PDB file of N, CA and C in Angstrom:
ATOM      1  N   MET A   1     -38.814  40.886 -61.129  1.00  0.00           N
ATOM      2  CA  MET A   1     -38.668  40.551 -60.094  1.00  0.00           C
ATOM      3  C   MET A   1     -40.361  39.976 -59.481  1.00  0.00           C
ATOM      4  N   PRO A   2     -40.732  38.867 -58.669  1.00  0.00           N
ATOM      5  CA  PRO A   2     -42.068  38.670 -58.014  1.00  0.00           C
ATOM      6  C   PRO A   2     -42.783  39.180 -57.541  1.00  0.00           C
ATOM      7  N   ASN A   3     -43.603  39.208 -57.299  1.00  0.00           N
ATOM      8  CA  ASN A   3     -44.670  39.992 -56.458  1.00  0.00           C
ATOM      9  C   ASN A   3     -44.389  39.685 -54.912  1.00  0.00           C
ATOM     10  N   PRO A   4     -44.076  40.556 -54.207  1.00  0.00           N
ATOM     11  CA  PRO A   4     -43.468  40.408 -52.784  1.00  0.00           C
ATOM     12  C   PRO A   4     -44.699  39.116 -51.680  1.00  0.00           C
ATOM     13  N   LEU A   5     -45.931  39.929 -52.542  1.00  0.00           N
ATOM     14  CA  LEU A   5     -46.844  38.893 -52.098  1.00  0.00           C
ATOM     15  C   LEU A   5     -46.808  37.134 -51.950  1.00  0.00           C
ATOM     16  N   SER A   6     -46.372  36.757 -53.280  1.00  0.00           N
ATOM     17  CA  SER A   6     -46.170  35.436 -53.724  1.00  0.00           C
ATOM     18  C   SER A   6     -45.589  34.301 -52.604  1.00  0.00           C
ATOM     19  N   GLY A   7     -44.255  35.592 -52.252  1.00  0.00           N
ATOM     20  CA  GLY A   7     -43.356  34.551 -51.424  1.00  0.00           C
ATOM     21  C   GLY A   7     -44.150  34.295 -49.748  1.00  0.00           C
ATOM     22  N   TYR A   8     -45.132  35.307 -49.237  1.00  0.00           N
ATOM     23  CA  TYR A   8     -46.009  35.163 -47.931  1.00  0.00           C
ATOM     24  C   TYR A   8     -46.901  34.057 -48.448  1.00  0.00           C
ATOM     25  N   LEU A   9     -47.194  34.300 -49.619  1.00  0.00           N
ATOM     26  CA  LEU A   9     -48.472  32.811 -50.005  1.00  0.00           C
ATOM     27  C   LEU A   9     -47.408  31.874 -49.870  1.00  0.00           C
ATOM     28  N   ILE A  10     -46.541  31.688 -50.333  1.00  0.00           N
ATOM     29  CA  ILE A  10     -45.825  30.094 -50.490  1.00  0.00           C
ATOM     30  C   ILE A  10     -45.747  29.911 -49.074  1.00  0.00           C
ATOM     31  N   VAL A  11     -44.910  31.081 -48.588  1.00  0.00           N
ATOM     32  CA  VAL A  11     -44.826  30.322 -46.771  1.00  0.00           C
ATOM     33  C   VAL A  11     -45.713  30.216 -46.179  1.00  0.00           C
ATOM     34  N   ALA A  12     -47.154  30.916 -46.184  1.00  0.00           N
ATOM     35  CA  ALA A  12     -48.455  30.080 -45.756  1.00  0.00           C
ATOM     36  C   ALA A  12     -48.922  29.027 -46.118  1.00  0.00           C
ATOM     37  N   ALA A  13     -48.624  28.978 -47.253  1.00  0.00           N
ATOM     38  CA  ALA A  13     -48.864  27.425 -47.859  1.00  0.00           C
ATOM     39  C   ALA A  13     -48.163  26.266 -47.265  1.00  0.00           C
ATOM     40  N   LEU A  14     -46.802  26.135 -47.431  1.00  0.00           N
ATOM     41  CA  LEU A  14     -46.194  25.411 -46.630  1.00  0.00           C
ATOM     42  C   LEU A  14     -46.131  25.262 -45.233  1.00  0.00           C
ATOM     43  N   ILE A  15     -46.538  25.973 -44.459  1.00  0.00           N
ATOM     44  CA  ILE A  15     -46.923  25.955 -43.020  1.00  0.00           C
ATOM     45  C   ILE A  15     -48.344  25.377 -42.972  1.00  0.00           C
ATOM     46  N   PHE A  16     -49.145  25.530 -43.692  1.00  0.00           N
ATOM     47  CA  PHE A  16     -50.486  24.932 -43.563  1.00  0.00           C
ATOM     48  C   PHE A  16     -50.296  23.649 -43.995  1.00  0.00           C
ATOM     49  N   ALA A  17     -49.498  23.422 -45.026  1.00  0.00           N
ATOM     50  CA  ALA A  17     -49.142  22.024 -45.337  1.00  0.00           C
ATOM     51  C   ALA A  17     -48.952  21.110 -44.154  1.00  0.00           C
ATOM     52  N   ILE A  18     -47.715  21.491 -43.191  1.00  0.00           N
ATOM     53  CA  ILE A  18     -47.011  20.710 -42.138  1.00  0.00           C
ATOM     54  C   ILE A  18     -48.299  20.772 -41.293  1.00  0.00           C
ATOM     55  N   GLY A  19     -49.268  21.728 -40.977  1.00  0.00           N
ATOM     56  CA  GLY A  19     -49.734  21.757 -40.145  1.00  0.00           C
ATOM     57  C   GLY A  19     -51.089  20.600 -40.559  1.00  0.00           C
ATOM     58  N   LEU A  20     -51.474  20.812 -41.532  1.00  0.00           N
ATOM     59  CA  LEU A  20     -52.333  19.584 -41.884  1.00  0.00           C
ATOM     60  C   LEU A  20     -51.749  18.210 -41.997  1.00  0.00           C
ATOM     61  N   ALA A  21     -50.379  18.006 -42.335  1.00  0.00           N
ATOM     62  CA  ALA A  21     -49.773  16.772 -42.486  1.00  0.00           C
ATOM     63  C   ALA A  21     -49.797  16.323 -40.924  1.00  0.00           C
ATOM     64  N   GLY A  22     -49.526  17.122 -39.807  1.00  0.00           N
ATOM     65  CA  GLY A  22     -49.375  16.885 -38.600  1.00  0.00           C
ATOM     66  C   GLY A  22     -50.806  16.448 -38.106  1.00  0.00           C
ATOM     67  N   ALA A  23     -51.769  17.130 -38.289  1.00  0.00           N
ATOM     68  CA  ALA A  23     -53.097  16.998 -37.617  1.00  0.00           C
ATOM     69  C   ALA A  23     -53.517  15.578 -38.079  1.00  0.00           C
ATOM     70  N   LEU A  24     -53.256  15.253 -39.464  1.00  0.00           N
ATOM     71  CA  LEU A  24     -53.735  14.056 -39.531  1.00  0.00           C
ATOM     72  C   LEU A  24     -52.931  12.617 -39.869  1.00  0.00           C
ATOM     73  N   THR A  25     -51.672  12.891 -39.693  1.00  0.00           N
ATOM     74  CA  THR A  25     -50.933  11.751 -39.389  1.00  0.00           C
ATOM     75  C   THR A  25     -50.524  11.339 -37.610  1.00  0.00           C
ATOM     76  N   ARG A  26     -50.478  12.486 -36.903  1.00  0.00           N
ATOM     77  CA  ARG A  26     -50.402  12.146 -35.631  1.00  0.00           C
ATOM     78  C   ARG A  26     -51.491  11.520 -34.859  1.00  0.00           C
ATOM     79  N   ARG A  27     -50.784  10.519 -33.705  1.00  0.00           N
ATOM     80  CA  ARG A  27     -51.902   9.686 -33.348  1.00  0.00           C
ATOM     81  C   ARG A  27     -51.871  10.267 -31.612  1.00  0.00           C
ATOM     82  N   ASN A  28     -50.804  11.498 -31.033  1.00  0.00           N
ATOM     83  CA  ASN A  28     -51.282  11.851 -30.056  1.00  0.00           C
ATOM     84  C   ASN A  28     -51.798  13.097 -30.154  1.00  0.00           C
ATOM     85  N   ALA A  29     -52.998  13.283 -29.417  1.00  0.00           N
ATOM     86  CA  ALA A  29     -53.939  14.436 -29.145  1.00  0.00           C
ATOM     87  C   ALA A  29     -53.368  16.042 -29.036  1.00  0.00           C
ATOM     88  N   ILE A  30     -52.344  15.998 -28.206  1.00  0.00           N
ATOM     89  CA  ILE A  30     -51.368  17.401 -28.343  1.00  0.00           C
ATOM     90  C   ILE A  30     -50.994  17.587 -29.371  1.00  0.00           C
ATOM     91  N   MET A  31     -50.415  16.839 -30.598  1.00  0.00           N
ATOM     92  CA  MET A  31     -49.711  16.775 -31.657  1.00  0.00           C
ATOM     93  C   MET A  31     -50.603  17.292 -32.747  1.00  0.00           C
ATOM     94  N   VAL A  32     -51.835  16.818 -32.587  1.00  0.00           N
ATOM     95  CA  VAL A  32     -53.025  17.108 -33.565  1.00  0.00           C
ATOM     96  C   VAL A  32     -53.168  18.581 -33.266  1.00  0.00           C
ATOM     97  N   LEU A  33     -53.620  18.780 -31.843  1.00  0.00           N
ATOM     98  CA  LEU A  33     -53.740  20.275 -31.564  1.00  0.00           C
ATOM     99  C   LEU A  33     -52.999  21.544 -32.404  1.00  0.00           C
ATOM    100  N   ILE A  34     -51.320  20.718 -32.127  1.00  0.00           N
ATOM    101  CA  ILE A  34     -50.212  21.727 -32.739  1.00  0.00           C
ATOM    102  C   ILE A  34     -50.732  21.897 -34.217  1.00  0.00           C
ATOM    103  N   GLY A  35     -50.798  20.939 -34.681  1.00  0.00           N
ATOM    104  CA  GLY A  35     -51.063  20.902 -36.028  1.00  0.00           C
ATOM    105  C   GLY A  35     -52.430  21.834 -36.732  1.00  0.00           C
ATOM    106  N   ILE A  36     -53.656  21.484 -35.954  1.00  0.00           N
ATOM    107  CA  ILE A  36     -54.410  22.700 -36.216  1.00  0.00           C
ATOM    108  C   ILE A  36     -54.147  24.149 -35.916  1.00  0.00           C
ATOM    109  N   GLU A  37     -53.366  24.631 -34.774  1.00  0.00           N
ATOM    110  CA  GLU A  37     -52.385  25.706 -34.596  1.00  0.00           C
ATOM    111  C   GLU A  37     -51.616  26.370 -35.565  1.00  0.00           C
ATOM    112  N   LEU A  38     -50.979  25.428 -35.992  1.00  0.00           N
ATOM    113  CA  LEU A  38     -50.361  25.936 -37.463  1.00  0.00           C
ATOM    114  C   LEU A  38     -50.975  26.146 -38.616  1.00  0.00           C
ATOM    115  N   MET A  39     -52.358  25.607 -38.903  1.00  0.00           N
ATOM    116  CA  MET A  39     -52.795  25.846 -39.777  1.00  0.00           C
ATOM    117  C   MET A  39     -53.602  27.117 -39.700  1.00  0.00           C
ATOM    118  N   LEU A  40     -53.922  27.300 -38.093  1.00  0.00           N
ATOM    119  CA  LEU A  40     -54.755  28.615 -38.289  1.00  0.00           C
ATOM    120  C   LEU A  40     -53.462  29.740 -38.072  1.00  0.00           C
ATOM    121  N   ASN A  41     -52.317  29.560 -37.953  1.00  0.00           N
ATOM    122  CA  ASN A  41     -51.319  30.438 -38.106  1.00  0.00           C
ATOM    123  C   ASN A  41     -50.656  31.169 -39.697  1.00  0.00           C
ATOM    124  N   ALA A  42     -51.141  29.723 -40.058  1.00  0.00           N
ATOM    125  CA  ALA A  42     -50.924  29.962 -41.918  1.00  0.00           C
ATOM    126  C   ALA A  42     -51.934  31.180 -42.329  1.00  0.00           C
ATOM    127  N   ALA A  43     -53.323  30.726 -42.080  1.00  0.00           N
ATOM    128  CA  ALA A  43     -54.508  31.657 -42.238  1.00  0.00           C
ATOM    129  C   ALA A  43     -54.371  32.910 -41.639  1.00  0.00           C
ATOM    130  N   ASN A  44     -53.623  33.385 -40.633  1.00  0.00           N
ATOM    131  CA  ASN A  44     -53.270  34.447 -40.159  1.00  0.00           C
ATOM    132  C   ASN A  44     -52.348  35.407 -41.127  1.00  0.00           C
ATOM    133  N   LEU A  45     -51.306  34.478 -41.399  1.00  0.00           N
ATOM    134  CA  LEU A  45     -50.451  35.069 -42.470  1.00  0.00           C
ATOM    135  C   LEU A  45     -50.966  35.432 -43.643  1.00  0.00           C
ATOM    136  N   ASN A  46     -51.974  34.894 -44.053  1.00  0.00           N
ATOM    137  CA  ASN A  46     -52.706  34.926 -45.077  1.00  0.00           C
ATOM    138  C   ASN A  46     -52.990  36.418 -45.111  1.00  0.00           C
ATOM    139  N   LEU A  47     -54.372  36.488 -44.287  1.00  0.00           N
ATOM    140  CA  LEU A  47     -55.093  37.568 -43.726  1.00  0.00           C
ATOM    141  C   LEU A  47     -53.773  39.138 -43.713  1.00  0.00           C
ATOM    142  N   ILE A  48     -52.579  38.563 -43.374  1.00  0.00           N
ATOM    143  CA  ILE A  48     -51.809  40.003 -43.150  1.00  0.00           C
ATOM    144  C   ILE A  48     -51.045  40.469 -43.998  1.00  0.00           C
ATOM    145  N   ALA A  49     -51.298  39.386 -44.800  1.00  0.00           N
ATOM    146  CA  ALA A  49     -50.553  39.615 -46.361  1.00  0.00           C
ATOM    147  C   ALA A  49     -51.191  40.047 -47.460  1.00  0.00           C
ATOM    148  N   PHE A  50     -52.227  39.827 -47.352  1.00  0.00           N
ATOM    149  CA  PHE A  50     -53.681  40.406 -48.263  1.00  0.00           C
ATOM    150  C   PHE A  50     -53.581  41.807 -47.929  1.00  0.00           C
ATOM    151  N   TRP A  51     -53.816  42.227 -46.280  1.00  0.00           N
ATOM    152  CA  TRP A  51     -54.132  43.247 -46.097  1.00  0.00           C
ATOM    153  C   TRP A  51     -52.881  44.395 -46.595  1.00  0.00           C
ATOM    154  N   ARG A  52     -51.352  44.023 -46.353  1.00  0.00           N
ATOM    155  CA  ARG A  52     -50.455  44.625 -46.070  1.00  0.00           C
ATOM    156  C   ARG A  52     -50.492  45.037 -47.964  1.00  0.00           C
ATOM    157  N   TYR A  53     -50.409  44.183 -48.699  1.00  0.00           N
ATOM    158  CA  TYR A  53     -50.633  44.515 -50.274  1.00  0.00           C
ATOM    159  C   TYR A  53     -51.798  44.613 -51.058  1.00  0.00           C
ATOM    160  N   GLY A  54     -52.621  44.656 -50.291  1.00  0.00           N
ATOM    161  CA  GLY A  54     -54.098  45.227 -50.903  1.00  0.00           C
ATOM    162  C   GLY A  54     -54.220  46.690 -51.214  1.00  0.00           C
ATOM    163  N   PRO A  55     -55.584  47.389 -51.561  1.00  0.00           N
ATOM    164  CA  PRO A  55     -55.900  48.528 -52.145  1.00  0.00           C
ATOM    165  C   PRO A  55     -55.833  49.390 -51.153  1.00  0.00           C
ATOM    166  N   HIS A  56     -56.113  48.954 -49.790  1.00  0.00           N
ATOM    167  CA  HIS A  56     -56.084  50.152 -48.929  1.00  0.00           C
ATOM    168  C   HIS A  56     -55.796  49.764 -47.688  1.00  0.00           C
ATOM    169  N   PRO A  57     -54.261  49.798 -47.195  1.00  0.00           N
ATOM    170  CA  PRO A  57     -53.645  48.735 -46.064  1.00  0.00           C
ATOM    171  C   PRO A  57     -53.474  49.942 -44.905  1.00  0.00           C
ATOM    172  N   GLU A  58     -54.351  51.156 -45.214  1.00  0.00           N
ATOM    173  CA  GLU A  58     -54.148  52.148 -44.021  1.00  0.00           C
ATOM    174  C   GLU A  58     -55.649  51.907 -43.141  1.00  0.00           C
ATOM    175  N   LEU A  59     -56.654  50.991 -43.703  1.00  0.00           N
ATOM    176  CA  LEU A  59     -57.640  50.680 -42.884  1.00  0.00           C
ATOM    177  C   LEU A  59     -57.988  49.748 -42.062  1.00  0.00           C
ATOM    178  N   LEU A  60     -56.449  49.253 -41.582  1.00  0.00           N
ATOM    179  CA  LEU A  60     -56.461  48.177 -40.726  1.00  0.00           C
ATOM    180  C   LEU A  60     -57.723  46.970 -40.714  1.00  0.00           C
ATOM    181  N   THR A  61     -58.071  46.534 -41.896  1.00  0.00           N
ATOM    182  CA  THR A  61     -59.255  45.286 -41.632  1.00  0.00           C
ATOM    183  C   THR A  61     -58.487  43.987 -41.800  1.00  0.00           C
ATOM    184  N   GLY A  62     -57.370  43.849 -41.907  1.00  0.00           N
ATOM    185  CA  GLY A  62     -56.827  42.708 -41.955  1.00  0.00           C
ATOM    186  C   GLY A  62     -56.154  42.073 -40.427  1.00  0.00           C
ATOM    187  N   MET A  63     -55.592  43.366 -39.847  1.00  0.00           N
ATOM    188  CA  MET A  63     -54.935  43.300 -39.028  1.00  0.00           C
ATOM    189  C   MET A  63     -56.328  42.857 -38.130  1.00  0.00           C
ATOM    190  N   MET A  64     -57.537  43.404 -37.901  1.00  0.00           N
ATOM    191  CA  MET A  64     -58.795  42.972 -37.022  1.00  0.00           C
ATOM    192  C   MET A  64     -58.871  41.738 -37.109  1.00  0.00           C
ATOM    193  N   PHE A  65     -58.974  41.689 -38.159  1.00  0.00           N
ATOM    194  CA  PHE A  65     -59.308  40.274 -38.295  1.00  0.00           C
ATOM    195  C   PHE A  65     -58.470  38.961 -37.985  1.00  0.00           C
ATOM    196  N   ALA A  66     -56.773  39.269 -38.281  1.00  0.00           N
ATOM    197  CA  ALA A  66     -55.976  38.622 -37.769  1.00  0.00           C
ATOM    198  C   ALA A  66     -56.174  38.499 -36.368  1.00  0.00           C
ATOM    199  N   ILE A  67     -56.262  39.391 -35.574  1.00  0.00           N
ATOM    200  CA  ILE A  67     -56.356  39.644 -34.073  1.00  0.00           C
ATOM    201  C   ILE A  67     -57.594  39.010 -33.451  1.00  0.00           C
ATOM    202  N   PHE A  68     -58.523  39.129 -34.332  1.00  0.00           N
ATOM    203  CA  PHE A  68     -60.104  38.030 -33.791  1.00  0.00           C
ATOM    204  C   PHE A  68     -59.495  36.859 -34.238  1.00  0.00           C
ATOM    205  N   SER A  69     -58.798  36.197 -35.302  1.00  0.00           N
ATOM    206  CA  SER A  69     -58.703  34.806 -35.402  1.00  0.00           C
ATOM    207  C   SER A  69     -57.773  34.275 -34.189  1.00  0.00           C
ATOM    208  N   ILE A  70     -56.549  35.166 -33.676  1.00  0.00           N
ATOM    209  CA  ILE A  70     -55.798  34.863 -32.666  1.00  0.00           C
ATOM    210  C   ILE A  70     -56.401  34.500 -31.435  1.00  0.00           C
ATOM    211  N   ALA A  71     -57.548  35.466 -31.214  1.00  0.00           N
ATOM    212  CA  ALA A  71     -58.125  35.080 -30.229  1.00  0.00           C
ATOM    213  C   ALA A  71     -59.253  33.913 -30.173  1.00  0.00           C
ATOM    214  N   VAL A  72     -59.596  33.468 -31.222  1.00  0.00           N
ATOM    215  CA  VAL A  72     -60.571  32.676 -31.415  1.00  0.00           C
ATOM    216  C   VAL A  72     -59.071  30.975 -31.265  1.00  0.00           C
ATOM    217  N   ALA A  73     -58.250  31.035 -31.516  1.00  0.00           N
ATOM    218  CA  ALA A  73     -57.671  30.217 -31.501  1.00  0.00           C
ATOM    219  C   ALA A  73     -56.815  30.073 -30.310  1.00  0.00           C
ATOM    220  N   ALA A  74     -56.748  30.874 -29.490  1.00  0.00           N
ATOM    221  CA  ALA A  74     -56.381  30.900 -27.832  1.00  0.00           C
ATOM    222  C   ALA A  74     -57.507  29.957 -27.197  1.00  0.00           C
ATOM    223  N   ALA A  75     -58.894  30.582 -27.689  1.00  0.00           N
ATOM    224  CA  ALA A  75     -59.792  30.080 -26.917  1.00  0.00           C
ATOM    225  C   ALA A  75     -59.903  28.190 -27.128  1.00  0.00           C
ATOM    226  N   GLU A  76     -59.823  28.158 -28.424  1.00  0.00           N
ATOM    227  CA  GLU A  76     -59.606  26.904 -29.215  1.00  0.00           C
ATOM    228  C   GLU A  76     -58.340  25.783 -28.545  1.00  0.00           C
ATOM    229  N   ALA A  77     -57.425  26.768 -28.424  1.00  0.00           N
ATOM    230  CA  ALA A  77     -56.274  25.868 -27.495  1.00  0.00           C
ATOM    231  C   ALA A  77     -56.442  25.265 -26.024  1.00  0.00           C
ATOM    232  N   ALA A  78     -57.445  26.732 -25.491  1.00  0.00           N
ATOM    233  CA  ALA A  78     -57.693  26.348 -24.150  1.00  0.00           C
ATOM    234  C   ALA A  78     -58.421  25.061 -24.041  1.00  0.00           C
ATOM    235  N   VAL A  79     -59.727  25.006 -24.652  1.00  0.00           N
ATOM    236  CA  VAL A  79     -60.857  24.111 -24.543  1.00  0.00           C
ATOM    237  C   VAL A  79     -60.555  22.962 -24.982  1.00  0.00           C
ATOM    238  N   GLY A  80     -59.446  22.940 -25.909  1.00  0.00           N
ATOM    239  CA  GLY A  80     -58.903  21.301 -26.204  1.00  0.00           C
ATOM    240  C   GLY A  80     -57.870  21.070 -25.373  1.00  0.00           C
ATOM    241  N   LEU A  81     -56.817  21.506 -24.961  1.00  0.00           N
ATOM    242  CA  LEU A  81     -56.096  21.153 -23.719  1.00  0.00           C
ATOM    243  C   LEU A  81     -57.108  20.588 -22.419  1.00  0.00           C
ATOM    244  N   GLY A  82     -57.715  21.427 -22.391  1.00  0.00           N
ATOM    245  CA  GLY A  82     -58.865  20.991 -21.013  1.00  0.00           C
ATOM    246  C   GLY A  82     -59.406  19.595 -21.539  1.00  0.00           C
ATOM    247  N   LEU A  83     -60.015  19.232 -22.845  1.00  0.00           N
ATOM    248  CA  LEU A  83     -60.662  18.326 -23.097  1.00  0.00           C
ATOM    249  C   LEU A  83     -59.243  17.003 -23.042  1.00  0.00           C
ATOM    250  N   VAL A  84     -58.296  17.412 -23.796  1.00  0.00           N
ATOM    251  CA  VAL A  84     -56.943  16.525 -23.552  1.00  0.00           C
ATOM    252  C   VAL A  84     -56.915  15.837 -22.405  1.00  0.00           C
ATOM    253  N   ILE A  85     -56.840  17.255 -21.202  1.00  0.00           N
ATOM    254  CA  ILE A  85     -56.369  16.573 -20.038  1.00  0.00           C
ATOM    255  C   ILE A  85     -57.510  15.758 -19.112  1.00  0.00           C
ATOM    256  N   SER A  86     -59.042  15.860 -19.647  1.00  0.00           N
ATOM    257  CA  SER A  86     -59.962  15.698 -19.063  1.00  0.00           C
ATOM    258  C   SER A  86     -59.775  13.764 -19.399  1.00  0.00           C
ATOM    259  N   ILE A  87     -59.669  13.792 -20.712  1.00  0.00           N
ATOM    260  CA  ILE A  87     -59.548  12.491 -20.881  1.00  0.00           C
ATOM    261  C   ILE A  87     -58.397  11.547 -20.935  1.00  0.00           C
ATOM    262  N   TYR A  88     -57.272  11.880 -20.794  1.00  0.00           N
ATOM    263  CA  TYR A  88     -56.418  11.588 -20.337  1.00  0.00           C
ATOM    264  C   TYR A  88     -56.392  10.933 -18.487  1.00  0.00           C
ATOM    265  N   ARG A  89     -57.081  11.897 -18.229  1.00  0.00           N
ATOM    266  CA  ARG A  89     -57.266  11.164 -16.314  1.00  0.00           C
ATOM    267  C   ARG A  89     -58.470  10.298 -16.423  1.00  0.00           C
ATOM    268  N   HIS A  90     -59.286  10.032 -17.328  1.00  0.00           N
ATOM    269  CA  HIS A  90     -60.272   8.994 -17.355  1.00  0.00           C
ATOM    270  C   HIS A  90     -59.728   7.601 -18.075  1.00  0.00           C
ATOM    271  N   ALA A  91     -58.903   7.929 -19.218  1.00  0.00           N
ATOM    272  CA  ALA A  91     -58.743   6.605 -20.275  1.00  0.00           C
ATOM    273  C   ALA A  91     -57.362   6.391 -19.904  1.00  0.00           C
ATOM    274  N   LYS A  92     -56.192   7.281 -19.328  1.00  0.00           N
ATOM    275  CA  LYS A  92     -55.039   7.066 -19.052  1.00  0.00           C
ATOM    276  C   LYS A  92     -53.962   6.648 -20.664  1.00  0.00           C
ATOM    277  N   THR A  93     -54.724   7.596 -21.685  1.00  0.00           N
ATOM    278  CA  THR A  93     -54.058   7.751 -22.666  1.00  0.00           C
ATOM    279  C   THR A  93     -54.114   8.881 -23.316  1.00  0.00           C
ATOM    280  N   SER A  94     -53.234   9.536 -24.282  1.00  0.00           N
ATOM    281  CA  SER A  94     -53.604  10.617 -25.390  1.00  0.00           C
ATOM    282  C   SER A  94     -53.448  10.221 -26.783  1.00  0.00           C
ATOM    283  N   ASP A  95     -53.615   9.089 -27.071  1.00  0.00           N
ATOM    284  CA  ASP A  95     -53.880   8.234 -28.219  1.00  0.00           C
ATOM    285  C   ASP A  95     -55.105   8.772 -28.597  1.00  0.00           C
ATOM    286  N   VAL A  96     -55.127   9.333 -29.960  1.00  0.00           N
ATOM    287  CA  VAL A  96     -56.558   9.720 -30.224  1.00  0.00           C
ATOM    288  C   VAL A  96     -57.473   7.933 -31.049  1.00  0.00           C
ATOM    289  N   GLU A  97     -56.744   7.519 -31.484  1.00  0.00           N
ATOM    290  CA  GLU A  97     -57.308   6.122 -31.650  1.00  0.00           C
ATOM    291  C   GLU A  97     -57.965   5.481 -30.608  1.00  0.00           C
ATOM    292  N   GLN A  98     -57.601   5.240 -29.255  1.00  0.00           N
ATOM    293  CA  GLN A  98     -57.953   4.507 -28.242  1.00  0.00           C
ATOM    294  C   GLN A  98     -59.071   5.267 -27.575  1.00  0.00           C
ATOM    295  N   MET A  99     -59.211   6.446 -28.034  1.00  0.00           N
ATOM    296  CA  MET A  99     -60.091   7.720 -27.532  1.00  0.00           C
ATOM    297  C   MET A  99     -61.493   7.267 -28.445  1.00  0.00           C
ATOM    298  N   ASN A 100     -62.360   6.458 -28.205  1.00  0.00           N
ATOM    299  CA  ASN A 100     -63.159   5.926 -29.160  1.00  0.00           C
ATOM    300  C   ASN A 100     -64.389   5.834 -28.476  1.00  0.00           C
ATOM    301  N   ARG A 101     -64.559   6.010 -27.148  1.00  0.00           N
ATOM    302  CA  ARG A 101     -65.769   6.044 -26.467  1.00  0.00           C
ATOM    303  C   ARG A 101     -66.207   7.438 -25.798  1.00  0.00           C
ATOM    304  N   MET A 102     -67.510   7.492 -25.918  1.00  0.00           N
ATOM    305  CA  MET A 102     -67.814   8.754 -25.529  1.00  0.00           C
ATOM    306  C   MET A 102     -68.962   8.834 -24.350  1.00  0.00           C
ATOM    307  N   LYS A 103     -68.954   7.601 -23.514  1.00  0.00           N
ATOM    308  CA  LYS A 103     -69.693   7.312 -22.377  1.00  0.00           C
ATOM    309  C   LYS A 103     -68.925   7.379 -20.988  1.00  0.00           C
ATOM    310  N   GLY A 104     -68.897   8.147 -20.245  1.00  0.00           N
ATOM    311  CA  GLY A 104     -68.533   8.096 -18.780  1.00  0.00           C
ATOM    312  C   GLY A 104     -68.592   7.127 -17.799  1.00  0.00           C
TER     313      GLY A 104
END
């Protein structure tokens, strides 16, 4: 019987691969942000899995890292969506290939 940790790692790798593919292949800025969020969720799954199956699961260190990572991801999503809305109001598009100007 395989180690239960390997199942979590396989699922996290699949989620990360889906997020990476979504972030690299999509042209819509919102979909790119969703891909980045999927990659952060895969990292959180790894943190929790290694904490749970580690030598000292009673210390809650993995849980604290995951909570900190979720807070950072929420801040990243808020700032990213704010930027996307601002750029959409200015350029009238959410296509990342057409957002090539940095001047206002």
